[in-house]
Amino acid sequence: QALAEYVTTAREMKAFAIFAPDSAYGHTAAEAFQAAVEGLG
């Protein structure tokens, strides 16, 4: 969530790809990042 807020505001990034391990950690991080990014437009 913190990373998404930073890159979308301070870095003005809007579109992203996700390349993550197929593990509980990878899926948790990916889902949280996607939700945060989409919530920020």
PDB file of all heavy atoms in Angstrom:
ATOM      1  N   GLN A   1       0.830  -1.199   0.000  1.00  0.00           N
ATOM      2  CA  GLN A   1       0.000   0.000   0.000  1.00  0.00           C
ATOM      3  C   GLN A   1       0.870   1.257   0.000  1.00  0.00           C
ATOM      4  O   GLN A   1       0.647   2.196  -0.773  1.00  0.00           O
ATOM      5  CB  GLN A   1      -0.914  -0.006   1.229  1.00  0.00           C
ATOM      6  CG  GLN A   1      -1.705   1.282   1.451  1.00  0.00           C
ATOM      7  CD  GLN A   1      -2.858   1.454   0.484  1.00  0.00           C
ATOM      8  OE1 GLN A   1      -3.467   0.461   0.081  1.00  0.00           O
ATOM      9  NE2 GLN A   1      -3.163   2.689   0.117  1.00  0.00           N
ATOM     10  N   ALA A   2       1.887   1.278   0.861  1.00  0.00           N
ATOM     11  CA  ALA A   2       2.783   2.436   0.941  1.00  0.00           C
ATOM     12  C   ALA A   2       3.536   2.644  -0.372  1.00  0.00           C
ATOM     13  O   ALA A   2       3.696   3.772  -0.848  1.00  0.00           O
ATOM     14  CB  ALA A   2       3.770   2.250   2.092  1.00  0.00           C
ATOM     15  N   LEU A   3       3.992   1.540  -0.963  1.00  0.00           N
ATOM     16  CA  LEU A   3       4.724   1.627  -2.227  1.00  0.00           C
ATOM     17  C   LEU A   3       3.828   2.181  -3.325  1.00  0.00           C
ATOM     18  O   LEU A   3       4.237   3.062  -4.100  1.00  0.00           O
ATOM     19  CB  LEU A   3       5.240   0.241  -2.617  1.00  0.00           C
ATOM     20  CG  LEU A   3       6.014   0.156  -3.935  1.00  0.00           C
ATOM     21  CD1 LEU A   3       7.337   0.905  -3.840  1.00  0.00           C
ATOM     22  CD2 LEU A   3       6.257  -1.299  -4.321  1.00  0.00           C
ATOM     23  N   ALA A   4       2.601   1.669  -3.403  1.00  0.00           N
ATOM     24  CA  ALA A   4       1.663   2.134  -4.427  1.00  0.00           C
ATOM     25  C   ALA A   4       1.385   3.622  -4.284  1.00  0.00           C
ATOM     26  O   ALA A   4       1.341   4.359  -5.276  1.00  0.00           O
ATOM     27  CB  ALA A   4       0.362   1.331  -4.351  1.00  0.00           C
ATOM     28  N   GLU A   5       1.195   4.061  -3.064  1.00  0.00           N
ATOM     29  CA  GLU A   5       0.938   5.486  -2.833  1.00  0.00           C
ATOM     30  C   GLU A   5       2.121   6.333  -3.299  1.00  0.00           C
ATOM     31  O   GLU A   5       1.944   7.397  -3.899  1.00  0.00           O
ATOM     32  CB  GLU A   5       0.657   5.729  -1.350  1.00  0.00           C
ATOM     33  CG  GLU A   5      -0.678   5.161  -0.887  1.00  0.00           C
ATOM     34  CD  GLU A   5      -0.875   5.316   0.612  1.00  0.00           C
ATOM     35  OE1 GLU A   5       0.049   5.840   1.276  1.00  0.00           O
ATOM     36  OE2 GLU A   5      -1.943   4.909   1.108  1.00  0.00           O
ATOM     37  N   TYR A   6       3.334   5.857  -3.018  1.00  0.00           N
ATOM     38  CA  TYR A   6       4.532   6.622  -3.388  1.00  0.00           C
ATOM     39  C   TYR A   6       4.716   6.706  -4.903  1.00  0.00           C
ATOM     40  O   TYR A   6       4.905   7.782  -5.462  1.00  0.00           O
ATOM     41  CB  TYR A   6       5.765   5.997  -2.742  1.00  0.00           C
ATOM     42  CG  TYR A   6       7.047   6.656  -3.177  1.00  0.00           C
ATOM     43  CD1 TYR A   6       7.369   7.943  -2.755  1.00  0.00           C
ATOM     44  CD2 TYR A   6       7.936   6.003  -4.032  1.00  0.00           C
ATOM     45  CE1 TYR A   6       8.538   8.555  -3.168  1.00  0.00           C
ATOM     46  CE2 TYR A   6       9.103   6.606  -4.452  1.00  0.00           C
ATOM     47  CZ  TYR A   6       9.399   7.885  -4.007  1.00  0.00           C
ATOM     48  OH  TYR A   6      10.558   8.494  -4.419  1.00  0.00           O
ATOM     49  N   VAL A   7       4.653   5.565  -5.586  1.00  0.00           N
ATOM     50  CA  VAL A   7       4.958   5.584  -7.021  1.00  0.00           C
ATOM     51  C   VAL A   7       3.866   6.255  -7.842  1.00  0.00           C
ATOM     52  O   VAL A   7       4.137   6.820  -8.909  1.00  0.00           O
ATOM     53  CB  VAL A   7       5.245   4.163  -7.557  1.00  0.00           C
ATOM     54  CG1 VAL A   7       6.509   3.600  -6.923  1.00  0.00           C
ATOM     55  CG2 VAL A   7       4.071   3.225  -7.336  1.00  0.00           C
ATOM     56  N   THR A   8       2.628   6.203  -7.350  1.00  0.00           N
ATOM     57  CA  THR A   8       1.557   6.847  -8.119  1.00  0.00           C
ATOM     58  C   THR A   8       1.474   8.349  -7.865  1.00  0.00           C
ATOM     59  O   THR A   8       0.966   9.084  -8.712  1.00  0.00           O
ATOM     60  CB  THR A   8       0.180   6.221  -7.792  1.00  0.00           C
ATOM     61  OG1 THR A   8      -0.062   6.314  -6.385  1.00  0.00           O
ATOM     62  CG2 THR A   8       0.132   4.773  -8.241  1.00  0.00           C
ATOM     63  N   THR A   9       1.980   8.795  -6.737  1.00  0.00           N
ATOM     64  CA  THR A   9       1.919  10.232  -6.431  1.00  0.00           C
ATOM     65  C   THR A   9       3.263  10.905  -6.686  1.00  0.00           C
ATOM     66  O   THR A   9       3.379  11.758  -7.564  1.00  0.00           O
ATOM     67  CB  THR A   9       1.475  10.452  -4.978  1.00  0.00           C
ATOM     68  OG1 THR A   9       2.329   9.718  -4.089  1.00  0.00           O
ATOM     69  CG2 THR A   9       0.048   9.995  -4.774  1.00  0.00           C
ATOM     70  N   ALA A  10       4.297  10.521  -5.945  1.00  0.00           N
ATOM     71  CA  ALA A  10       5.603  11.173  -6.089  1.00  0.00           C
ATOM     72  C   ALA A  10       6.229  10.895  -7.453  1.00  0.00           C
ATOM     73  O   ALA A  10       6.903  11.762  -8.016  1.00  0.00           O
ATOM     74  CB  ALA A  10       6.540  10.709  -4.971  1.00  0.00           C
ATOM     75  N   ARG A  11       6.018   9.703  -7.994  1.00  0.00           N
ATOM     76  CA  ARG A  11       6.620   9.334  -9.285  1.00  0.00           C
ATOM     77  C   ARG A  11       5.652   9.433 -10.457  1.00  0.00           C
ATOM     78  O   ARG A  11       6.039   9.228 -11.603  1.00  0.00           O
ATOM     79  CB  ARG A  11       7.194   7.914  -9.203  1.00  0.00           C
ATOM     80  CG  ARG A  11       8.409   7.791  -8.278  1.00  0.00           C
ATOM     81  CD  ARG A  11       9.529   8.726  -8.712  1.00  0.00           C
ATOM     82  NE  ARG A  11      10.733   8.532  -7.926  1.00  0.00           N
ATOM     83  CZ  ARG A  11      11.737   7.724  -8.263  1.00  0.00           C
ATOM     84  NH1 ARG A  11      11.669   7.015  -9.370  1.00  0.00           N
ATOM     85  NH2 ARG A  11      12.791   7.620  -7.492  1.00  0.00           N
ATOM     86  N   GLU A  12       4.402   9.686 -10.159  1.00  0.00           N
ATOM     87  CA  GLU A  12       3.369   9.875 -11.185  1.00  0.00           C
ATOM     88  C   GLU A  12       3.264   8.688 -12.149  1.00  0.00           C
ATOM     89  O   GLU A  12       3.009   8.857 -13.338  1.00  0.00           O
ATOM     90  CB  GLU A  12       3.609  11.172 -11.965  1.00  0.00           C
ATOM     91  CG  GLU A  12       3.534  12.412 -11.080  1.00  0.00           C
ATOM     92  CD  GLU A  12       3.708  13.693 -11.864  1.00  0.00           C
ATOM     93  OE1 GLU A  12       4.181  13.638 -13.011  1.00  0.00           O
ATOM     94  OE2 GLU A  12       3.364  14.759 -11.324  1.00  0.00           O
ATOM     95  N   MET A  13       3.460   7.490 -11.643  1.00  0.00           N
ATOM     96  CA  MET A  13       3.276   6.278 -12.440  1.00  0.00           C
ATOM     97  C   MET A  13       1.804   5.871 -12.371  1.00  0.00           C
ATOM     98  O   MET A  13       1.170   6.000 -11.329  1.00  0.00           O
ATOM     99  CB  MET A  13       4.154   5.153 -11.914  1.00  0.00           C
ATOM    100  CG  MET A  13       5.642   5.422 -12.007  1.00  0.00           C
ATOM    101  SD  MET A  13       6.616   4.057 -11.286  1.00  0.00           S
ATOM    102  CE  MET A  13       8.283   4.659 -11.535  1.00  0.00           C
ATOM    103  N   LYS A  14       1.292   5.364 -13.466  1.00  0.00           N
ATOM    104  CA  LYS A  14      -0.135   5.032 -13.513  1.00  0.00           C
ATOM    105  C   LYS A  14      -0.424   3.577 -13.893  1.00  0.00           C
ATOM    106  O   LYS A  14      -1.459   3.037 -13.541  1.00  0.00           O
ATOM    107  CB  LYS A  14      -0.845   5.954 -14.509  1.00  0.00           C
ATOM    108  CG  LYS A  14      -0.768   7.437 -14.149  1.00  0.00           C
ATOM    109  CD  LYS A  14      -1.391   7.715 -12.779  1.00  0.00           C
ATOM    110  CE  LYS A  14      -1.300   9.189 -12.411  1.00  0.00           C
ATOM    111  NZ  LYS A  14      -1.763   9.442 -11.022  1.00  0.00           N
ATOM    112  N   ALA A  15       0.478   2.964 -14.644  1.00  0.00           N
ATOM    113  CA  ALA A  15       0.235   1.595 -15.119  1.00  0.00           C
ATOM    114  C   ALA A  15       1.397   0.699 -14.693  1.00  0.00           C
ATOM    115  O   ALA A  15       2.563   1.116 -14.732  1.00  0.00           O
ATOM    116  CB  ALA A  15       0.082   1.586 -16.630  1.00  0.00           C
ATOM    117  N   PHE A  16       1.071  -0.550 -14.338  1.00  0.00           N
ATOM    118  CA  PHE A  16       2.079  -1.438 -13.782  1.00  0.00           C
ATOM    119  C   PHE A  16       1.889  -2.869 -14.277  1.00  0.00           C
ATOM    120  O   PHE A  16       0.793  -3.266 -14.674  1.00  0.00           O
ATOM    121  CB  PHE A  16       2.003  -1.436 -12.253  1.00  0.00           C
ATOM    122  CG  PHE A  16       2.141  -0.077 -11.646  1.00  0.00           C
ATOM    123  CD1 PHE A  16       1.013   0.722 -11.445  1.00  0.00           C
ATOM    124  CD2 PHE A  16       3.374   0.426 -11.290  1.00  0.00           C
ATOM    125  CE1 PHE A  16       1.125   1.995 -10.899  1.00  0.00           C
ATOM    126  CE2 PHE A  16       3.497   1.699 -10.743  1.00  0.00           C
ATOM    127  CZ  PHE A  16       2.377   2.481 -10.554  1.00  0.00           C
ATOM    128  N   ALA A  17       2.993  -3.620 -14.228  1.00  0.00           N
ATOM    129  CA  ALA A  17       2.947  -5.068 -14.398  1.00  0.00           C
ATOM    130  C   ALA A  17       3.328  -5.690 -13.065  1.00  0.00           C
ATOM    131  O   ALA A  17       4.037  -5.076 -12.257  1.00  0.00           O
ATOM    132  CB  ALA A  17       3.921  -5.515 -15.480  1.00  0.00           C
ATOM    133  N   ILE A  18       2.857  -6.898 -12.826  1.00  0.00           N
ATOM    134  CA  ILE A  18       3.207  -7.616 -11.596  1.00  0.00           C
ATOM    135  C   ILE A  18       3.878  -8.931 -11.982  1.00  0.00           C
ATOM    136  O   ILE A  18       3.331  -9.718 -12.763  1.00  0.00           O
ATOM    137  CB  ILE A  18       1.967  -7.896 -10.732  1.00  0.00           C
ATOM    138  CG1 ILE A  18       1.336  -6.582 -10.256  1.00  0.00           C
ATOM    139  CG2 ILE A  18       2.330  -8.772  -9.539  1.00  0.00           C
ATOM    140  CD1 ILE A  18       0.050  -6.762  -9.472  1.00  0.00           C
ATOM    141  N   PHE A  19       5.061  -9.159 -11.443  1.00  0.00           N
ATOM    142  CA  PHE A  19       5.817 -10.396 -11.650  1.00  0.00           C
ATOM    143  C   PHE A  19       6.172 -10.905 -10.259  1.00  0.00           C
ATOM    144  O   PHE A  19       7.060 -10.369  -9.598  1.00  0.00           O
ATOM    145  CB  PHE A  19       7.070 -10.112 -12.469  1.00  0.00           C
ATOM    146  CG  PHE A  19       7.729 -11.335 -13.058  1.00  0.00           C
ATOM    147  CD1 PHE A  19       6.996 -12.308 -13.702  1.00  0.00           C
ATOM    148  CD2 PHE A  19       9.113 -11.493 -12.994  1.00  0.00           C
ATOM    149  CE1 PHE A  19       7.603 -13.424 -14.271  1.00  0.00           C
ATOM    150  CE2 PHE A  19       9.738 -12.593 -13.562  1.00  0.00           C
ATOM    151  CZ  PHE A  19       8.985 -13.562 -14.198  1.00  0.00           C
ATOM    152  N   ALA A  20       5.444 -11.913  -9.787  1.00  0.00           N
ATOM    153  CA  ALA A  20       5.541 -12.309  -8.387  1.00  0.00           C
ATOM    154  C   ALA A  20       5.643 -13.822  -8.245  1.00  0.00           C
ATOM    155  O   ALA A  20       5.191 -14.574  -9.122  1.00  0.00           O
ATOM    156  CB  ALA A  20       4.321 -11.797  -7.620  1.00  0.00           C
ATOM    157  N   PRO A  21       6.219 -14.297  -7.137  1.00  0.00           N
ATOM    158  CA  PRO A  21       6.292 -15.742  -6.892  1.00  0.00           C
ATOM    159  C   PRO A  21       4.916 -16.333  -6.648  1.00  0.00           C
ATOM    160  O   PRO A  21       4.043 -15.675  -6.064  1.00  0.00           O
ATOM    161  CB  PRO A  21       7.180 -15.845  -5.648  1.00  0.00           C
ATOM    162  CG  PRO A  21       7.037 -14.524  -4.963  1.00  0.00           C
ATOM    163  CD  PRO A  21       6.850 -13.519  -6.057  1.00  0.00           C
ATOM    164  N   ASP A  22       4.741 -17.561  -7.088  1.00  0.00           N
ATOM    165  CA  ASP A  22       3.473 -18.262  -6.900  1.00  0.00           C
ATOM    166  C   ASP A  22       3.455 -18.871  -5.498  1.00  0.00           C
ATOM    167  O   ASP A  22       3.564 -20.084  -5.313  1.00  0.00           O
ATOM    168  CB  ASP A  22       3.321 -19.342  -7.971  1.00  0.00           C
ATOM    169  CG  ASP A  22       1.916 -19.930  -8.000  1.00  0.00           C
ATOM    170  OD1 ASP A  22       1.046 -19.435  -7.258  1.00  0.00           O
ATOM    171  OD2 ASP A  22       1.690 -20.879  -8.770  1.00  0.00           O
ATOM    172  N   SER A  23       3.331 -18.012  -4.511  1.00  0.00           N
ATOM    173  CA  SER A  23       3.349 -18.412  -3.103  1.00  0.00           C
ATOM    174  C   SER A  23       2.334 -17.555  -2.368  1.00  0.00           C
ATOM    175  O   SER A  23       1.805 -16.577  -2.910  1.00  0.00           O
ATOM    176  CB  SER A  23       4.746 -18.189  -2.508  1.00  0.00           C
ATOM    177  OG  SER A  23       5.084 -16.807  -2.532  1.00  0.00           O
ATOM    178  N   ALA A  24       2.067 -17.917  -1.114  1.00  0.00           N
ATOM    179  CA  ALA A  24       1.126 -17.115  -0.319  1.00  0.00           C
ATOM    180  C   ALA A  24       1.628 -15.681  -0.205  1.00  0.00           C
ATOM    181  O   ALA A  24       0.849 -14.725  -0.325  1.00  0.00           O
ATOM    182  CB  ALA A  24       0.968 -17.738   1.066  1.00  0.00           C
ATOM    183  N   TYR A  25       2.922 -15.511   0.011  1.00  0.00           N
ATOM    184  CA  TYR A  25       3.502 -14.169   0.121  1.00  0.00           C
ATOM    185  C   TYR A  25       3.325 -13.407  -1.187  1.00  0.00           C
ATOM    186  O   TYR A  25       2.900 -12.249  -1.191  1.00  0.00           O
ATOM    187  CB  TYR A  25       4.986 -14.289   0.463  1.00  0.00           C
ATOM    188  CG  TYR A  25       5.730 -12.968   0.487  1.00  0.00           C
ATOM    189  CD1 TYR A  25       5.776 -12.196   1.637  1.00  0.00           C
ATOM    190  CD2 TYR A  25       6.387 -12.503  -0.650  1.00  0.00           C
ATOM    191  CE1 TYR A  25       6.449 -10.984   1.667  1.00  0.00           C
ATOM    192  CE2 TYR A  25       7.065 -11.293  -0.635  1.00  0.00           C
ATOM    193  CZ  TYR A  25       7.091 -10.540   0.532  1.00  0.00           C
ATOM    194  OH  TYR A  25       7.761  -9.342   0.536  1.00  0.00           O
ATOM    195  N   GLY A  26       3.658 -14.067  -2.314  1.00  0.00           N
ATOM    196  CA  GLY A  26       3.552 -13.408  -3.607  1.00  0.00           C
ATOM    197  C   GLY A  26       2.138 -12.986  -3.941  1.00  0.00           C
ATOM    198  O   GLY A  26       1.901 -11.866  -4.422  1.00  0.00           O
ATOM    199  N   HIS A  27       1.180 -13.857  -3.673  1.00  0.00           N
ATOM    200  CA  HIS A  27      -0.216 -13.529  -3.969  1.00  0.00           C
ATOM    201  C   HIS A  27      -0.739 -12.424  -3.044  1.00  0.00           C
ATOM    202  O   HIS A  27      -1.470 -11.535  -3.496  1.00  0.00           O
ATOM    203  CB  HIS A  27      -1.085 -14.779  -3.854  1.00  0.00           C
ATOM    204  CG  HIS A  27      -0.983 -15.696  -5.042  1.00  0.00           C
ATOM    205  ND1 HIS A  27      -1.761 -15.544  -6.164  1.00  0.00           N
ATOM    206  CD2 HIS A  27      -0.160 -16.752  -5.290  1.00  0.00           C
ATOM    207  CE1 HIS A  27      -1.449 -16.483  -7.048  1.00  0.00           C
ATOM    208  NE2 HIS A  27      -0.473 -17.224  -6.547  1.00  0.00           N
ATOM    209  N   THR A  28      -0.360 -12.478  -1.770  1.00  0.00           N
ATOM    210  CA  THR A  28      -0.785 -11.433  -0.845  1.00  0.00           C
ATOM    211  C   THR A  28      -0.262 -10.073  -1.274  1.00  0.00           C
ATOM    212  O   THR A  28      -1.011  -9.083  -1.320  1.00  0.00           O
ATOM    213  CB  THR A  28      -0.282 -11.744   0.581  1.00  0.00           C
ATOM    214  OG1 THR A  28      -0.921 -12.929   1.051  1.00  0.00           O
ATOM    215  CG2 THR A  28      -0.585 -10.602   1.536  1.00  0.00           C
ATOM    216  N   ALA A  29       1.033 -10.024  -1.604  1.00  0.00           N
ATOM    217  CA  ALA A  29       1.638  -8.754  -2.012  1.00  0.00           C
ATOM    218  C   ALA A  29       1.027  -8.252  -3.316  1.00  0.00           C
ATOM    219  O   ALA A  29       0.735  -7.061  -3.462  1.00  0.00           O
ATOM    220  CB  ALA A  29       3.147  -8.933  -2.155  1.00  0.00           C
ATOM    221  N   ALA A  30       0.830  -9.160  -4.267  1.00  0.00           N
ATOM    222  CA  ALA A  30       0.284  -8.766  -5.567  1.00  0.00           C
ATOM    223  C   ALA A  30      -1.139  -8.234  -5.429  1.00  0.00           C
ATOM    224  O   ALA A  30      -1.498  -7.209  -6.030  1.00  0.00           O
ATOM    225  CB  ALA A  30       0.308  -9.955  -6.523  1.00  0.00           C
ATOM    226  N   GLU A  31      -1.958  -8.933  -4.663  1.00  0.00           N
ATOM    227  CA  GLU A  31      -3.344  -8.498  -4.485  1.00  0.00           C
ATOM    228  C   GLU A  31      -3.414  -7.146  -3.778  1.00  0.00           C
ATOM    229  O   GLU A  31      -4.222  -6.280  -4.142  1.00  0.00           O
ATOM    230  CB  GLU A  31      -4.111  -9.556  -3.683  1.00  0.00           C
ATOM    231  CG  GLU A  31      -4.357 -10.841  -4.470  1.00  0.00           C
ATOM    232  CD  GLU A  31      -4.826 -11.983  -3.584  1.00  0.00           C
ATOM    233  OE1 GLU A  31      -5.118 -11.723  -2.396  1.00  0.00           O
ATOM    234  OE2 GLU A  31      -4.890 -13.131  -4.070  1.00  0.00           O
ATOM    235  N   ALA A  32      -2.559  -6.959  -2.766  1.00  0.00           N
ATOM    236  CA  ALA A  32      -2.566  -5.687  -2.042  1.00  0.00           C
ATOM    237  C   ALA A  32      -2.087  -4.553  -2.938  1.00  0.00           C
ATOM    238  O   ALA A  32      -2.665  -3.451  -2.917  1.00  0.00           O
ATOM    239  CB  ALA A  32      -1.670  -5.790  -0.808  1.00  0.00           C
ATOM    240  N   PHE A  33      -1.055  -4.811  -3.729  1.00  0.00           N
ATOM    241  CA  PHE A  33      -0.534  -3.768  -4.620  1.00  0.00           C
ATOM    242  C   PHE A  33      -1.570  -3.402  -5.677  1.00  0.00           C
ATOM    243  O   PHE A  33      -1.809  -2.216  -5.956  1.00  0.00           O
ATOM    244  CB  PHE A  33       0.756  -4.250  -5.282  1.00  0.00           C
ATOM    245  CG  PHE A  33       1.429  -3.209  -6.141  1.00  0.00           C
ATOM    246  CD1 PHE A  33       2.121  -2.155  -5.578  1.00  0.00           C
ATOM    247  CD2 PHE A  33       1.363  -3.295  -7.529  1.00  0.00           C
ATOM    248  CE1 PHE A  33       2.741  -1.187  -6.368  1.00  0.00           C
ATOM    249  CE2 PHE A  33       1.979  -2.333  -8.335  1.00  0.00           C
ATOM    250  CZ  PHE A  33       2.662  -1.280  -7.748  1.00  0.00           C
ATOM    251  N   GLN A  34      -2.208  -4.404  -6.268  1.00  0.00           N
ATOM    252  CA  GLN A  34      -3.227  -4.140  -7.285  1.00  0.00           C
ATOM    253  C   GLN A  34      -4.387  -3.342  -6.699  1.00  0.00           C
ATOM    254  O   GLN A  34      -4.848  -2.369  -7.311  1.00  0.00           O
ATOM    255  CB  GLN A  34      -3.743  -5.442  -7.887  1.00  0.00           C
ATOM    256  CG  GLN A  34      -4.834  -5.212  -8.938  1.00  0.00           C
ATOM    257  CD  GLN A  34      -5.155  -6.456  -9.745  1.00  0.00           C
ATOM    258  OE1 GLN A  34      -4.421  -7.434  -9.718  1.00  0.00           O
ATOM    259  NE2 GLN A  34      -6.255  -6.430 -10.472  1.00  0.00           N
ATOM    260  N   ALA A  35      -4.855  -3.741  -5.522  1.00  0.00           N
ATOM    261  CA  ALA A  35      -5.974  -3.031  -4.900  1.00  0.00           C
ATOM    262  C   ALA A  35      -5.605  -1.578  -4.615  1.00  0.00           C
ATOM    263  O   ALA A  35      -6.409  -0.661  -4.839  1.00  0.00           O
ATOM    264  CB  ALA A  35      -6.383  -3.738  -3.609  1.00  0.00           C
ATOM    265  N   ALA A  36      -4.371  -1.379  -4.140  1.00  0.00           N
ATOM    266  CA  ALA A  36      -3.932  -0.017  -3.823  1.00  0.00           C
ATOM    267  C   ALA A  36      -3.799   0.828  -5.080  1.00  0.00           C
ATOM    268  O   ALA A  36      -4.239   1.978  -5.126  1.00  0.00           O
ATOM    269  CB  ALA A  36      -2.606  -0.064  -3.068  1.00  0.00           C
ATOM    270  N   VAL A  37      -3.196   0.259  -6.116  1.00  0.00           N
ATOM    271  CA  VAL A  37      -3.010   0.987  -7.377  1.00  0.00           C
ATOM    272  C   VAL A  37      -4.358   1.379  -7.978  1.00  0.00           C
ATOM    273  O   VAL A  37      -4.576   2.528  -8.382  1.00  0.00           O
ATOM    274  CB  VAL A  37      -2.194   0.135  -8.369  1.00  0.00           C
ATOM    275  CG1 VAL A  37      -2.306   0.681  -9.787  1.00  0.00           C
ATOM    276  CG2 VAL A  37      -0.733   0.091  -7.946  1.00  0.00           C
ATOM    277  N   GLU A  38      -5.259   0.416  -8.050  1.00  0.00           N
ATOM    278  CA  GLU A  38      -6.563   0.694  -8.641  1.00  0.00           C
ATOM    279  C   GLU A  38      -7.356   1.691  -7.801  1.00  0.00           C
ATOM    280  O   GLU A  38      -8.097   2.518  -8.342  1.00  0.00           O
ATOM    281  CB  GLU A  38      -7.336  -0.612  -8.823  1.00  0.00           C
ATOM    282  CG  GLU A  38      -6.709  -1.520  -9.884  1.00  0.00           C
ATOM    283  CD  GLU A  38      -7.382  -2.867 -10.024  1.00  0.00           C
ATOM    284  OE1 GLU A  38      -8.212  -3.214  -9.151  1.00  0.00           O
ATOM    285  OE2 GLU A  38      -7.080  -3.578 -10.989  1.00  0.00           O
ATOM    286  N   GLY A  39      -7.169   1.622  -6.481  1.00  0.00           N
ATOM    287  CA  GLY A  39      -7.842   2.582  -5.620  1.00  0.00           C
ATOM    288  C   GLY A  39      -7.327   3.999  -5.796  1.00  0.00           C
ATOM    289  O   GLY A  39      -8.018   4.970  -5.482  1.00  0.00           O
ATOM    290  N   LEU A  40      -6.106   4.116  -6.329  1.00  0.00           N
ATOM    291  CA  LEU A  40      -5.497   5.422  -6.573  1.00  0.00           C
ATOM    292  C   LEU A  40      -5.644   5.861  -8.030  1.00  0.00           C
ATOM    293  O   LEU A  40      -5.025   6.836  -8.454  1.00  0.00           O
ATOM    294  CB  LEU A  40      -4.007   5.368  -6.197  1.00  0.00           C
ATOM    295  CG  LEU A  40      -3.730   5.204  -4.690  1.00  0.00           C
ATOM    296  CD1 LEU A  40      -2.310   4.730  -4.450  1.00  0.00           C
ATOM    297  CD2 LEU A  40      -3.996   6.512  -3.956  1.00  0.00           C
ATOM    298  N   GLY A  41      -6.445   5.133  -8.780  1.00  0.00           N
ATOM    299  CA  GLY A  41      -6.710   5.510 -10.165  1.00  0.00           C
ATOM    300  C   GLY A  41      -5.773   4.913 -11.185  1.00  0.00           C
ATOM    301  O   GLY A  41      -5.867   5.239 -12.372  1.00  0.00           O
TER     302      GLY A  41
END
